[in-house]
Amino acid sequence: MDDERERELRIHPGVHSDISTFVIMNVVLGLAAARTGWRGFRWIWPSPTRLKWLVHPIRFTVFALVFLPLTGAVCFIASILIGVWRALAWFFGLFGFGRAA
């Protein structure tokens, strides 16, 4: 019964439903944190100095089809942590904390 239920949940017949769910959720979370993901991807693959017209579409395709499905959740968590850090820095900056005396 479990095997039959799992087959019904599959999006693609050859891919296990847990893997499909993982990839879809990573893409959704990665799109929510696309700016943080793109910054991380630029660290891995910096912008080229020559042949930009050729490399940029390939680079964006690799980002969207490989990097985002693999690291979307990590980018989302990092984005939340960066936002909390900036909010705390702003809040404590209002009261002068962190400034040299």
PDB file of N, CA and C in Angstrom:
ATOM      1  N   MET A   1       0.821  -1.201   0.000  1.00  0.00           N
ATOM      2  CA  MET A   1       0.000   0.000   0.000  1.00  0.00           C
ATOM      3  C   MET A   1       0.867   1.267   0.000  1.00  0.00           C
ATOM      4  N   ASP A   2       1.950   1.257   0.772  1.00  0.00           N
ATOM      5  CA  ASP A   2       2.826   2.419   0.819  1.00  0.00           C
ATOM      6  C   ASP A   2       3.486   2.688  -0.522  1.00  0.00           C
ATOM      7  N   ASP A   3       3.919   1.640  -1.190  1.00  0.00           N
ATOM      8  CA  ASP A   3       4.589   1.787  -2.478  1.00  0.00           C
ATOM      9  C   ASP A   3       3.628   2.337  -3.525  1.00  0.00           C
ATOM     10  N   GLU A   4       2.397   1.902  -3.474  1.00  0.00           N
ATOM     11  CA  GLU A   4       1.392   2.391  -4.419  1.00  0.00           C
ATOM     12  C   GLU A   4       1.090   3.863  -4.170  1.00  0.00           C
ATOM     13  N   ARG A   5       0.988   4.256  -2.922  1.00  0.00           N
ATOM     14  CA  ARG A   5       0.722   5.647  -2.569  1.00  0.00           C
ATOM     15  C   ARG A   5       1.887   6.546  -3.021  1.00  0.00           C
ATOM     16  N   GLU A   6       3.106   6.060  -2.846  1.00  0.00           N
ATOM     17  CA  GLU A   6       4.271   6.825  -3.255  1.00  0.00           C
ATOM     18  C   GLU A   6       4.293   7.019  -4.759  1.00  0.00           C
ATOM     19  N   ARG A   7       3.932   6.017  -5.501  1.00  0.00           N
ATOM     20  CA  ARG A   7       3.883   6.135  -6.965  1.00  0.00           C
ATOM     21  C   ARG A   7       2.836   7.148  -7.406  1.00  0.00           C
ATOM     22  N   GLU A   8       1.746   7.250  -6.668  1.00  0.00           N
ATOM     23  CA  GLU A   8       0.707   8.224  -7.001  1.00  0.00           C
ATOM     24  C   GLU A   8       1.185   9.654  -6.762  1.00  0.00           C
ATOM     25  N   LEU A   9       2.080   9.838  -5.798  1.00  0.00           N
ATOM     26  CA  LEU A   9       2.569  11.180  -5.466  1.00  0.00           C
ATOM     27  C   LEU A   9       3.662  11.667  -6.406  1.00  0.00           C
ATOM     28  N   ARG A  10       4.193  10.802  -7.232  1.00  0.00           N
ATOM     29  CA  ARG A  10       5.289  11.180  -8.119  1.00  0.00           C
ATOM     30  C   ARG A  10       4.833  12.163  -9.191  1.00  0.00           C
ATOM     31  N   ILE A  11       5.674  13.157  -9.437  1.00  0.00           N
ATOM     32  CA  ILE A  11       5.427  14.107 -10.512  1.00  0.00           C
ATOM     33  C   ILE A  11       5.947  13.527 -11.815  1.00  0.00           C
ATOM     34  N   HIS A  12       7.144  12.957 -11.746  1.00  0.00           N
ATOM     35  CA  HIS A  12       7.756  12.283 -12.887  1.00  0.00           C
ATOM     36  C   HIS A  12       7.885  10.813 -12.521  1.00  0.00           C
ATOM     37  N   PRO A  13       7.520   9.899 -13.412  1.00  0.00           N
ATOM     38  CA  PRO A  13       7.493   8.480 -13.049  1.00  0.00           C
ATOM     39  C   PRO A  13       8.843   7.908 -12.608  1.00  0.00           C
ATOM     40  N   GLY A  14       9.948   8.457 -13.071  1.00  0.00           N
ATOM     41  CA  GLY A  14      11.244   7.886 -12.740  1.00  0.00           C
ATOM     42  C   GLY A  14      11.900   8.490 -11.519  1.00  0.00           C
ATOM     43  N   VAL A  15      11.302   9.521 -10.921  1.00  0.00           N
ATOM     44  CA  VAL A  15      11.922  10.224  -9.802  1.00  0.00           C
ATOM     45  C   VAL A  15      11.068  10.023  -8.557  1.00  0.00           C
ATOM     46  N   HIS A  16      11.713   9.652  -7.464  1.00  0.00           N
ATOM     47  CA  HIS A  16      11.021   9.428  -6.200  1.00  0.00           C
ATOM     48  C   HIS A  16      10.330  10.718  -5.758  1.00  0.00           C
ATOM     49  N   SER A  17       9.178  10.620  -5.142  1.00  0.00           N
ATOM     50  CA  SER A  17       8.409  11.808  -4.776  1.00  0.00           C
ATOM     51  C   SER A  17       9.128  12.671  -3.740  1.00  0.00           C
ATOM     52  N   ASP A  18       9.933  12.070  -2.865  1.00  0.00           N
ATOM     53  CA  ASP A  18      10.679  12.867  -1.884  1.00  0.00           C
ATOM     54  C   ASP A  18      11.708  13.763  -2.565  1.00  0.00           C
ATOM     55  N   ILE A  19      12.353  13.266  -3.590  1.00  0.00           N
ATOM     56  CA  ILE A  19      13.334  14.057  -4.323  1.00  0.00           C
ATOM     57  C   ILE A  19      12.634  15.191  -5.076  1.00  0.00           C
ATOM     58  N   SER A  20      11.506  14.895  -5.686  1.00  0.00           N
ATOM     59  CA  SER A  20      10.751  15.937  -6.394  1.00  0.00           C
ATOM     60  C   SER A  20      10.304  17.034  -5.433  1.00  0.00           C
ATOM     61  N   THR A  21       9.820  16.646  -4.268  1.00  0.00           N
ATOM     62  CA  THR A  21       9.376  17.616  -3.268  1.00  0.00           C
ATOM     63  C   THR A  21      10.547  18.466  -2.792  1.00  0.00           C
ATOM     64  N   PHE A  22      11.696  17.832  -2.558  1.00  0.00           N
ATOM     65  CA  PHE A  22      12.897  18.553  -2.136  1.00  0.00           C
ATOM     66  C   PHE A  22      13.307  19.599  -3.165  1.00  0.00           C
ATOM     67  N   VAL A  23      13.320  19.227  -4.427  1.00  0.00           N
ATOM     68  CA  VAL A  23      13.737  20.150  -5.487  1.00  0.00           C
ATOM     69  C   VAL A  23      12.737  21.296  -5.627  1.00  0.00           C
ATOM     70  N   ILE A  24      11.456  20.989  -5.609  1.00  0.00           N
ATOM     71  CA  ILE A  24      10.435  22.039  -5.755  1.00  0.00           C
ATOM     72  C   ILE A  24      10.482  23.012  -4.589  1.00  0.00           C
ATOM     73  N   MET A  25      10.613  22.498  -3.369  1.00  0.00           N
ATOM     74  CA  MET A  25      10.678  23.388  -2.210  1.00  0.00           C
ATOM     75  C   MET A  25      11.949  24.237  -2.226  1.00  0.00           C
ATOM     76  N   ASN A  26      13.063  23.665  -2.654  1.00  0.00           N
ATOM     77  CA  ASN A  26      14.295  24.449  -2.751  1.00  0.00           C
ATOM     78  C   ASN A  26      14.179  25.543  -3.796  1.00  0.00           C
ATOM     79  N   VAL A  27      13.533  25.259  -4.903  1.00  0.00           N
ATOM     80  CA  VAL A  27      13.355  26.281  -5.930  1.00  0.00           C
ATOM     81  C   VAL A  27      12.455  27.403  -5.409  1.00  0.00           C
ATOM     82  N   VAL A  28      11.371  27.056  -4.738  1.00  0.00           N
ATOM     83  CA  VAL A  28      10.455  28.071  -4.198  1.00  0.00           C
ATOM     84  C   VAL A  28      11.166  28.921  -3.146  1.00  0.00           C
ATOM     85  N   LEU A  29      11.869  28.266  -2.211  1.00  0.00           N
ATOM     86  CA  LEU A  29      12.595  29.023  -1.188  1.00  0.00           C
ATOM     87  C   LEU A  29      13.743  29.821  -1.808  1.00  0.00           C
ATOM     88  N   GLY A  30      14.378  29.250  -2.818  1.00  0.00           N
ATOM     89  CA  GLY A  30      15.455  29.960  -3.506  1.00  0.00           C
ATOM     90  C   GLY A  30      14.957  31.188  -4.241  1.00  0.00           C
ATOM     91  N   LEU A  31      13.777  31.104  -4.829  1.00  0.00           N
ATOM     92  CA  LEU A  31      13.204  32.278  -5.492  1.00  0.00           C
ATOM     93  C   LEU A  31      12.850  33.359  -4.483  1.00  0.00           C
ATOM     94  N   ALA A  32      12.421  32.938  -3.288  1.00  0.00           N
ATOM     95  CA  ALA A  32      12.124  33.915  -2.240  1.00  0.00           C
ATOM     96  C   ALA A  32      13.393  34.621  -1.771  1.00  0.00           C
ATOM     97  N   ALA A  33      14.531  33.943  -1.870  1.00  0.00           N
ATOM     98  CA  ALA A  33      15.807  34.517  -1.446  1.00  0.00           C
ATOM     99  C   ALA A  33      16.764  34.608  -2.631  1.00  0.00           C
ATOM    100  N   ALA A  34      16.263  35.000  -3.778  1.00  0.00           N
ATOM    101  CA  ALA A  34      17.067  34.999  -5.000  1.00  0.00           C
ATOM    102  C   ALA A  34      18.257  35.935  -4.913  1.00  0.00           C
ATOM    103  N   ARG A  35      18.106  37.053  -4.246  1.00  0.00           N
ATOM    104  CA  ARG A  35      19.213  38.004  -4.154  1.00  0.00           C
ATOM    105  C   ARG A  35      20.390  37.401  -3.381  1.00  0.00           C
ATOM    106  N   THR A  36      20.094  36.763  -2.264  1.00  0.00           N
ATOM    107  CA  THR A  36      21.147  36.117  -1.480  1.00  0.00           C
ATOM    108  C   THR A  36      21.749  34.956  -2.258  1.00  0.00           C
ATOM    109  N   GLY A  37      20.923  34.200  -2.944  1.00  0.00           N
ATOM    110  CA  GLY A  37      21.420  33.095  -3.750  1.00  0.00           C
ATOM    111  C   GLY A  37      22.322  33.564  -4.876  1.00  0.00           C
ATOM    112  N   TRP A  38      21.939  34.656  -5.518  1.00  0.00           N
ATOM    113  CA  TRP A  38      22.753  35.174  -6.622  1.00  0.00           C
ATOM    114  C   TRP A  38      24.096  35.673  -6.097  1.00  0.00           C
ATOM    115  N   ARG A  39      24.102  36.296  -4.916  1.00  0.00           N
ATOM    116  CA  ARG A  39      25.376  36.742  -4.332  1.00  0.00           C
ATOM    117  C   ARG A  39      26.280  35.549  -4.043  1.00  0.00           C
ATOM    118  N   GLY A  40      25.722  34.480  -3.528  1.00  0.00           N
ATOM    119  CA  GLY A  40      26.518  33.280  -3.275  1.00  0.00           C
ATOM    120  C   GLY A  40      27.018  32.657  -4.561  1.00  0.00           C
ATOM    121  N   PHE A  41      26.174  32.654  -5.573  1.00  0.00           N
ATOM    122  CA  PHE A  41      26.571  32.087  -6.853  1.00  0.00           C
ATOM    123  C   PHE A  41      27.669  32.926  -7.502  1.00  0.00           C
ATOM    124  N   ARG A  42      27.585  34.248  -7.383  1.00  0.00           N
ATOM    125  CA  ARG A  42      28.638  35.108  -7.927  1.00  0.00           C
ATOM    126  C   ARG A  42      29.970  34.863  -7.239  1.00  0.00           C
ATOM    127  N   TRP A  43      29.938  34.451  -5.973  1.00  0.00           N
ATOM    128  CA  TRP A  43      31.168  34.133  -5.263  1.00  0.00           C
ATOM    129  C   TRP A  43      31.797  32.859  -5.849  1.00  0.00           C
ATOM    130  N   ILE A  44      30.951  31.896  -6.234  1.00  0.00           N
ATOM    131  CA  ILE A  44      31.443  30.651  -6.825  1.00  0.00           C
ATOM    132  C   ILE A  44      31.883  30.878  -8.269  1.00  0.00           C
ATOM    133  N   TRP A  45      31.075  31.590  -9.051  1.00  0.00           N
ATOM    134  CA  TRP A  45      31.370  31.823 -10.466  1.00  0.00           C
ATOM    135  C   TRP A  45      31.338  33.329 -10.724  1.00  0.00           C
ATOM    136  N   PRO A  46      32.466  34.024 -10.575  1.00  0.00           N
ATOM    137  CA  PRO A  46      32.501  35.476 -10.776  1.00  0.00           C
ATOM    138  C   PRO A  46      32.159  35.865 -12.215  1.00  0.00           C
ATOM    139  N   SER A  47      31.786  37.110 -12.380  1.00  0.00           N
ATOM    140  CA  SER A  47      31.442  37.621 -13.694  1.00  0.00           C
ATOM    141  C   SER A  47      32.676  37.628 -14.603  1.00  0.00           C
ATOM    142  N   PRO A  48      32.519  37.172 -15.831  1.00  0.00           N
ATOM    143  CA  PRO A  48      33.671  37.129 -16.734  1.00  0.00           C
ATOM    144  C   PRO A  48      34.046  38.524 -17.229  1.00  0.00           C
ATOM    145  N   THR A  49      35.284  38.661 -17.632  1.00  0.00           N
ATOM    146  CA  THR A  49      35.732  39.948 -18.157  1.00  0.00           C
ATOM    147  C   THR A  49      35.603  40.010 -19.674  1.00  0.00           C
ATOM    148  N   ARG A  50      35.654  38.837 -20.332  1.00  0.00           N
ATOM    149  CA  ARG A  50      35.519  38.790 -21.785  1.00  0.00           C
ATOM    150  C   ARG A  50      34.356  37.879 -22.149  1.00  0.00           C
ATOM    151  N   LEU A  51      33.827  38.078 -23.331  1.00  0.00           N
ATOM    152  CA  LEU A  51      32.720  37.275 -23.873  1.00  0.00           C
ATOM    153  C   LEU A  51      31.501  37.247 -22.957  1.00  0.00           C
ATOM    154  N   LYS A  52      31.158  38.405 -22.386  1.00  0.00           N
ATOM    155  CA  LYS A  52      30.007  38.476 -21.480  1.00  0.00           C
ATOM    156  C   LYS A  52      28.720  38.061 -22.169  1.00  0.00           C
ATOM    157  N   TRP A  53      28.572  38.427 -23.408  1.00  0.00           N
ATOM    158  CA  TRP A  53      27.341  38.124 -24.139  1.00  0.00           C
ATOM    159  C   TRP A  53      27.132  36.616 -24.269  1.00  0.00           C
ATOM    160  N   LEU A  54      28.219  35.846 -24.236  1.00  0.00           N
ATOM    161  CA  LEU A  54      28.115  34.395 -24.360  1.00  0.00           C
ATOM    162  C   LEU A  54      27.994  33.718 -23.001  1.00  0.00           C
ATOM    163  N   VAL A  55      28.719  34.220 -22.023  1.00  0.00           N
ATOM    164  CA  VAL A  55      28.799  33.544 -20.727  1.00  0.00           C
ATOM    165  C   VAL A  55      27.595  33.847 -19.836  1.00  0.00           C
ATOM    166  N   HIS A  56      27.053  35.045 -19.879  1.00  0.00           N
ATOM    167  CA  HIS A  56      25.960  35.405 -18.981  1.00  0.00           C
ATOM    168  C   HIS A  56      24.719  34.520 -19.125  1.00  0.00           C
ATOM    169  N   PRO A  57      24.248  34.215 -20.320  1.00  0.00           N
ATOM    170  CA  PRO A  57      23.090  33.305 -20.400  1.00  0.00           C
ATOM    171  C   PRO A  57      23.400  31.903 -19.862  1.00  0.00           C
ATOM    172  N   ILE A  58      24.603  31.413 -20.124  1.00  0.00           N
ATOM    173  CA  ILE A  58      24.990  30.094 -19.605  1.00  0.00           C
ATOM    174  C   ILE A  58      25.068  30.141 -18.089  1.00  0.00           C
ATOM    175  N   ARG A  59      25.656  31.195 -17.574  1.00  0.00           N
ATOM    176  CA  ARG A  59      25.805  31.364 -16.125  1.00  0.00           C
ATOM    177  C   ARG A  59      24.453  31.440 -15.435  1.00  0.00           C
ATOM    178  N   PHE A  60      23.523  32.195 -15.989  1.00  0.00           N
ATOM    179  CA  PHE A  60      22.189  32.303 -15.393  1.00  0.00           C
ATOM    180  C   PHE A  60      21.445  30.975 -15.468  1.00  0.00           C
ATOM    181  N   THR A  61      21.611  30.239 -16.561  1.00  0.00           N
ATOM    182  CA  THR A  61      20.962  28.937 -16.700  1.00  0.00           C
ATOM    183  C   THR A  61      21.486  27.952 -15.659  1.00  0.00           C
ATOM    184  N   VAL A  62      22.791  27.949 -15.435  1.00  0.00           N
ATOM    185  CA  VAL A  62      23.366  27.076 -14.400  1.00  0.00           C
ATOM    186  C   VAL A  62      22.852  27.486 -13.022  1.00  0.00           C
ATOM    187  N   PHE A  63      22.722  28.785 -12.787  1.00  0.00           N
ATOM    188  CA  PHE A  63      22.179  29.264 -11.509  1.00  0.00           C
ATOM    189  C   PHE A  63      20.755  28.756 -11.303  1.00  0.00           C
ATOM    190  N   ALA A  64      19.924  28.910 -12.327  1.00  0.00           N
ATOM    191  CA  ALA A  64      18.505  28.559 -12.189  1.00  0.00           C
ATOM    192  C   ALA A  64      18.260  27.054 -12.163  1.00  0.00           C
ATOM    193  N   LEU A  65      19.023  26.286 -12.916  1.00  0.00           N
ATOM    194  CA  LEU A  65      18.740  24.853 -13.035  1.00  0.00           C
ATOM    195  C   LEU A  65      19.580  23.963 -12.126  1.00  0.00           C
ATOM    196  N   VAL A  66      20.718  24.465 -11.627  1.00  0.00           N
ATOM    197  CA  VAL A  66      21.575  23.625 -10.780  1.00  0.00           C
ATOM    198  C   VAL A  66      21.704  24.211  -9.378  1.00  0.00           C
ATOM    199  N   PHE A  67      22.152  25.464  -9.290  1.00  0.00           N
ATOM    200  CA  PHE A  67      22.445  26.060  -7.985  1.00  0.00           C
ATOM    201  C   PHE A  67      21.180  26.256  -7.145  1.00  0.00           C
ATOM    202  N   LEU A  68      20.155  26.823  -7.735  1.00  0.00           N
ATOM    203  CA  LEU A  68      18.932  27.119  -6.992  1.00  0.00           C
ATOM    204  C   LEU A  68      18.234  25.867  -6.455  1.00  0.00           C
ATOM    205  N   PRO A  69      18.055  24.813  -7.250  1.00  0.00           N
ATOM    206  CA  PRO A  69      17.417  23.613  -6.690  1.00  0.00           C
ATOM    207  C   PRO A  69      18.242  22.921  -5.602  1.00  0.00           C
ATOM    208  N   LEU A  70      19.553  23.113  -5.599  1.00  0.00           N
ATOM    209  CA  LEU A  70      20.384  22.456  -4.591  1.00  0.00           C
ATOM    210  C   LEU A  70      20.527  23.270  -3.305  1.00  0.00           C
ATOM    211  N   THR A  71      20.499  24.587  -3.396  1.00  0.00           N
ATOM    212  CA  THR A  71      20.809  25.425  -2.233  1.00  0.00           C
ATOM    213  C   THR A  71      19.711  26.408  -1.858  1.00  0.00           C
ATOM    214  N   GLY A  72      18.514  26.233  -2.361  1.00  0.00           N
ATOM    215  CA  GLY A  72      17.446  27.198  -2.101  1.00  0.00           C
ATOM    216  C   GLY A  72      17.124  27.381  -0.631  1.00  0.00           C
ATOM    217  N   ALA A  73      17.023  26.293   0.129  1.00  0.00           N
ATOM    218  CA  ALA A  73      16.694  26.388   1.552  1.00  0.00           C
ATOM    219  C   ALA A  73      17.814  27.061   2.333  1.00  0.00           C
ATOM    220  N   VAL A  74      19.053  26.755   1.990  1.00  0.00           N
ATOM    221  CA  VAL A  74      20.195  27.378   2.664  1.00  0.00           C
ATOM    222  C   VAL A  74      20.211  28.877   2.393  1.00  0.00           C
ATOM    223  N   CYS A  75      19.952  29.270   1.159  1.00  0.00           N
ATOM    224  CA  CYS A  75      19.901  30.692   0.815  1.00  0.00           C
ATOM    225  C   CYS A  75      18.762  31.398   1.541  1.00  0.00           C
ATOM    226  N   PHE A  76      17.644  30.726   1.692  1.00  0.00           N
ATOM    227  CA  PHE A  76      16.500  31.310   2.391  1.00  0.00           C
ATOM    228  C   PHE A  76      16.828  31.543   3.858  1.00  0.00           C
ATOM    229  N   ILE A  77      17.437  30.550   4.503  1.00  0.00           N
ATOM    230  CA  ILE A  77      17.817  30.695   5.912  1.00  0.00           C
ATOM    231  C   ILE A  77      18.861  31.793   6.059  1.00  0.00           C
ATOM    232  N   ALA A  78      19.836  31.831   5.159  1.00  0.00           N
ATOM    233  CA  ALA A  78      20.862  32.879   5.207  1.00  0.00           C
ATOM    234  C   ALA A  78      20.237  34.256   5.021  1.00  0.00           C
ATOM    235  N   SER A  79      19.259  34.362   4.155  1.00  0.00           N
ATOM    236  CA  SER A  79      18.579  35.629   3.918  1.00  0.00           C
ATOM    237  C   SER A  79      17.853  36.105   5.174  1.00  0.00           C
ATOM    238  N   ILE A  80      17.202  35.185   5.865  1.00  0.00           N
ATOM    239  CA  ILE A  80      16.517  35.541   7.114  1.00  0.00           C
ATOM    240  C   ILE A  80      17.529  35.996   8.154  1.00  0.00           C
ATOM    241  N   LEU A  81      18.628  35.258   8.299  1.00  0.00           N
ATOM    242  CA  LEU A  81      19.642  35.623   9.288  1.00  0.00           C
ATOM    243  C   LEU A  81      20.282  36.977   8.975  1.00  0.00           C
ATOM    244  N   ILE A  82      20.527  37.249   7.705  1.00  0.00           N
ATOM    245  CA  ILE A  82      21.083  38.546   7.313  1.00  0.00           C
ATOM    246  C   ILE A  82      20.092  39.663   7.640  1.00  0.00           C
ATOM    247  N   GLY A  83      18.808  39.434   7.389  1.00  0.00           N
ATOM    248  CA  GLY A  83      17.796  40.437   7.708  1.00  0.00           C
ATOM    249  C   GLY A  83      17.689  40.706   9.198  1.00  0.00           C
ATOM    250  N   VAL A  84      17.749  39.651  10.009  1.00  0.00           N
ATOM    251  CA  VAL A  84      17.711  39.818  11.467  1.00  0.00           C
ATOM    252  C   VAL A  84      18.943  40.575  11.933  1.00  0.00           C
ATOM    253  N   TRP A  85      20.112  40.220  11.397  1.00  0.00           N
ATOM    254  CA  TRP A  85      21.346  40.905  11.770  1.00  0.00           C
ATOM    255  C   TRP A  85      21.275  42.396  11.431  1.00  0.00           C
ATOM    256  N   ARG A  86      20.780  42.720  10.259  1.00  0.00           N
ATOM    257  CA  ARG A  86      20.677  44.135   9.860  1.00  0.00           C
ATOM    258  C   ARG A  86      19.673  44.889  10.722  1.00  0.00           C
ATOM    259  N   ALA A  87      18.566  44.232  11.067  1.00  0.00           N
ATOM    260  CA  ALA A  87      17.571  44.876  11.928  1.00  0.00           C
ATOM    261  C   ALA A  87      18.134  45.139  13.318  1.00  0.00           C
ATOM    262  N   LEU A  88      18.861  44.171  13.872  1.00  0.00           N
ATOM    263  CA  LEU A  88      19.475  44.368  15.186  1.00  0.00           C
ATOM    264  C   LEU A  88      20.548  45.455  15.137  1.00  0.00           C
ATOM    265  N   ALA A  89      21.350  45.470  14.076  1.00  0.00           N
ATOM    266  CA  ALA A  89      22.383  46.498  13.943  1.00  0.00           C
ATOM    267  C   ALA A  89      21.754  47.884  13.837  1.00  0.00           C
ATOM    268  N   TRP A  90      20.657  47.979  13.110  1.00  0.00           N
ATOM    269  CA  TRP A  90      19.967  49.263  12.991  1.00  0.00           C
ATOM    270  C   TRP A  90      19.400  49.687  14.341  1.00  0.00           C
ATOM    271  N   PHE A  91      18.753  48.744  15.035  1.00  0.00           N
ATOM    272  CA  PHE A  91      18.126  49.056  16.321  1.00  0.00           C
ATOM    273  C   PHE A  91      19.160  49.518  17.338  1.00  0.00           C
ATOM    274  N   PHE A  92      20.262  48.769  17.466  1.00  0.00           N
ATOM    275  CA  PHE A  92      21.279  49.153  18.430  1.00  0.00           C
ATOM    276  C   PHE A  92      22.050  50.386  17.971  1.00  0.00           C
ATOM    277  N   GLY A  93      22.085  50.630  16.680  1.00  0.00           N
ATOM    278  CA  GLY A  93      22.720  51.840  16.171  1.00  0.00           C
ATOM    279  C   GLY A  93      21.950  53.095  16.539  1.00  0.00           C
ATOM    280  N   LEU A  94      20.635  52.959  16.748  1.00  0.00           N
ATOM    281  CA  LEU A  94      19.835  54.107  17.169  1.00  0.00           C
ATOM    282  C   LEU A  94      20.283  54.635  18.522  1.00  0.00           C
ATOM    283  N   PHE A  95      20.746  53.745  19.374  1.00  0.00           N
ATOM    284  CA  PHE A  95      21.148  54.125  20.719  1.00  0.00           C
ATOM    285  C   PHE A  95      22.647  54.342  20.851  1.00  0.00           C
ATOM    286  N   GLY A  96      23.367  54.271  19.747  1.00  0.00           N
ATOM    287  CA  GLY A  96      24.791  54.563  19.766  1.00  0.00           C
ATOM    288  C   GLY A  96      25.667  53.398  20.153  1.00  0.00           C
ATOM    289  N   PHE A  97      25.122  52.188  20.243  1.00  0.00           N
ATOM    290  CA  PHE A  97      25.958  51.030  20.556  1.00  0.00           C
ATOM    291  C   PHE A  97      26.844  50.716  19.365  1.00  0.00           C
ATOM    292  N   GLY A  98      28.046  50.297  19.633  1.00  0.00           N
ATOM    293  CA  GLY A  98      28.958  49.895  18.581  1.00  0.00           C
ATOM    294  C   GLY A  98      29.802  51.029  18.021  1.00  0.00           C
ATOM    295  N   ARG A  99      29.600  52.225  18.502  1.00  0.00           N
ATOM    296  CA  ARG A  99      30.419  53.355  18.046  1.00  0.00           C
ATOM    297  C   ARG A  99      31.634  53.500  18.956  1.00  0.00           C
ATOM    298  N   ALA A 100      32.718  53.932  18.369  1.00  0.00           N
ATOM    299  CA  ALA A 100      33.934  54.163  19.163  1.00  0.00           C
ATOM    300  C   ALA A 100      33.730  55.396  20.024  1.00  0.00           C
ATOM    301  N   ALA A 101      34.250  55.343  21.238  1.00  0.00           N
ATOM    302  CA  ALA A 101      34.072  56.457  22.173  1.00  0.00           C
ATOM    303  C   ALA A 101      35.066  57.567  21.924  1.00  0.00           C
TER     304      ALA A 101
END
